[in-house]
Amino acid sequence: MEYALVTAAFICVVVAGAALWRALSSGLFVDHALMAASHHIQGAVGWVADLFSY
């Protein structure tokens, strides 16, 4: 029973590592960061414009 649990946990770790490697190599995290940064900059520009308007 112990070997089955350890083997299942090891397979889960390997599959998760492979999924993370695939996401990193495809640039998924970089694309997400760029999309989030553009929304942040747009929000910041509006805030700065409001600050200097007064």
C-alpha atoms as a PDB file:
ATOM      1  CA  MET A   1       0.000   0.000   0.000  1.00  0.00           C
ATOM      2  CA  GLU A   2       2.831   2.401   0.801  1.00  0.00           C
ATOM      3  CA  TYR A   3       4.477   1.845  -2.563  1.00  0.00           C
ATOM      4  CA  ALA A   4       1.216   2.634  -4.347  1.00  0.00           C
ATOM      5  CA  LEU A   5       0.817   5.922  -2.471  1.00  0.00           C
ATOM      6  CA  VAL A   6       4.419   6.954  -3.019  1.00  0.00           C
ATOM      7  CA  THR A   7       4.238   6.030  -6.703  1.00  0.00           C
ATOM      8  CA  ALA A   8       0.995   7.988  -7.172  1.00  0.00           C
ATOM      9  CA  ALA A   9       2.472  11.028  -5.424  1.00  0.00           C
ATOM     10  CA  PHE A  10       5.637  10.807  -7.513  1.00  0.00           C
ATOM     11  CA  ILE A  11       3.611  10.586 -10.743  1.00  0.00           C
ATOM     12  CA  CYS A  12       1.605  13.660  -9.670  1.00  0.00           C
ATOM     13  CA  VAL A  13       4.824  15.593  -9.056  1.00  0.00           C
ATOM     14  CA  VAL A  14       6.226  14.575 -12.452  1.00  0.00           C
ATOM     15  CA  VAL A  15       3.011  15.513 -14.284  1.00  0.00           C
ATOM     16  CA  ALA A  16       2.794  18.868 -12.481  1.00  0.00           C
ATOM     17  CA  GLY A  17       6.451  19.573 -13.291  1.00  0.00           C
ATOM     18  CA  ALA A  18       5.866  18.751 -16.948  1.00  0.00           C
ATOM     19  CA  ALA A  19       2.828  21.041 -17.068  1.00  0.00           C
ATOM     20  CA  LEU A  20       4.802  23.857 -15.448  1.00  0.00           C
ATOM     21  CA  TRP A  21       7.703  23.341 -17.862  1.00  0.00           C
ATOM     22  CA  ARG A  22       5.326  23.450 -20.841  1.00  0.00           C
ATOM     23  CA  ALA A  23       3.685  26.654 -19.583  1.00  0.00           C
ATOM     24  CA  LEU A  24       7.078  28.293 -19.033  1.00  0.00           C
ATOM     25  CA  SER A  25       8.442  27.280 -22.422  1.00  0.00           C
ATOM     26  CA  SER A  26       5.337  28.474 -24.282  1.00  0.00           C
ATOM     27  CA  GLY A  27       5.543  31.936 -22.679  1.00  0.00           C
ATOM     28  CA  LEU A  28       2.184  31.706 -20.962  1.00  0.00           C
ATOM     29  CA  PHE A  29       3.366  33.519 -17.834  1.00  0.00           C
ATOM     30  CA  VAL A  30       5.071  36.260 -19.844  1.00  0.00           C
ATOM     31  CA  ASP A  31       1.902  36.852 -21.894  1.00  0.00           C
ATOM     32  CA  HIS A  32      -0.159  37.015 -18.726  1.00  0.00           C
ATOM     33  CA  ALA A  33       2.274  39.474 -17.127  1.00  0.00           C
ATOM     34  CA  LEU A  34       2.197  41.706 -20.201  1.00  0.00           C
ATOM     35  CA  MET A  35      -1.595  41.742 -20.287  1.00  0.00           C
ATOM     36  CA  ALA A  36      -1.755  42.552 -16.569  1.00  0.00           C
ATOM     37  CA  ALA A  37       0.885  45.273 -16.916  1.00  0.00           C
ATOM     38  CA  SER A  38      -1.044  47.040 -19.674  1.00  0.00           C
ATOM     39  CA  HIS A  39      -4.154  47.170 -17.475  1.00  0.00           C
ATOM     40  CA  HIS A  40      -2.092  48.415 -14.554  1.00  0.00           C
ATOM     41  CA  ILE A  41      -0.466  51.145 -16.626  1.00  0.00           C
ATOM     42  CA  GLN A  42      -3.829  52.282 -17.988  1.00  0.00           C
ATOM     43  CA  GLY A  43      -5.189  52.503 -14.456  1.00  0.00           C
ATOM     44  CA  ALA A  44      -2.096  54.318 -13.222  1.00  0.00           C
ATOM     45  CA  VAL A  45      -2.187  56.818 -16.063  1.00  0.00           C
ATOM     46  CA  GLY A  46      -5.786  57.682 -15.209  1.00  0.00           C
ATOM     47  CA  TRP A  47      -4.855  58.138 -11.554  1.00  0.00           C
ATOM     48  CA  VAL A  48      -1.890  60.361 -12.400  1.00  0.00           C
ATOM     49  CA  ALA A  49      -4.019  62.410 -14.776  1.00  0.00           C
ATOM     50  CA  ASP A  50      -6.601  62.903 -12.019  1.00  0.00           C
ATOM     51  CA  LEU A  51      -3.885  63.942  -9.598  1.00  0.00           C
ATOM     52  CA  PHE A  52      -2.405  66.569 -11.902  1.00  0.00           C
ATOM     53  CA  SER A  53      -5.853  67.835 -12.988  1.00  0.00           C
ATOM     54  CA  TYR A  54      -6.434  69.418  -9.587  1.00  0.00           C
END
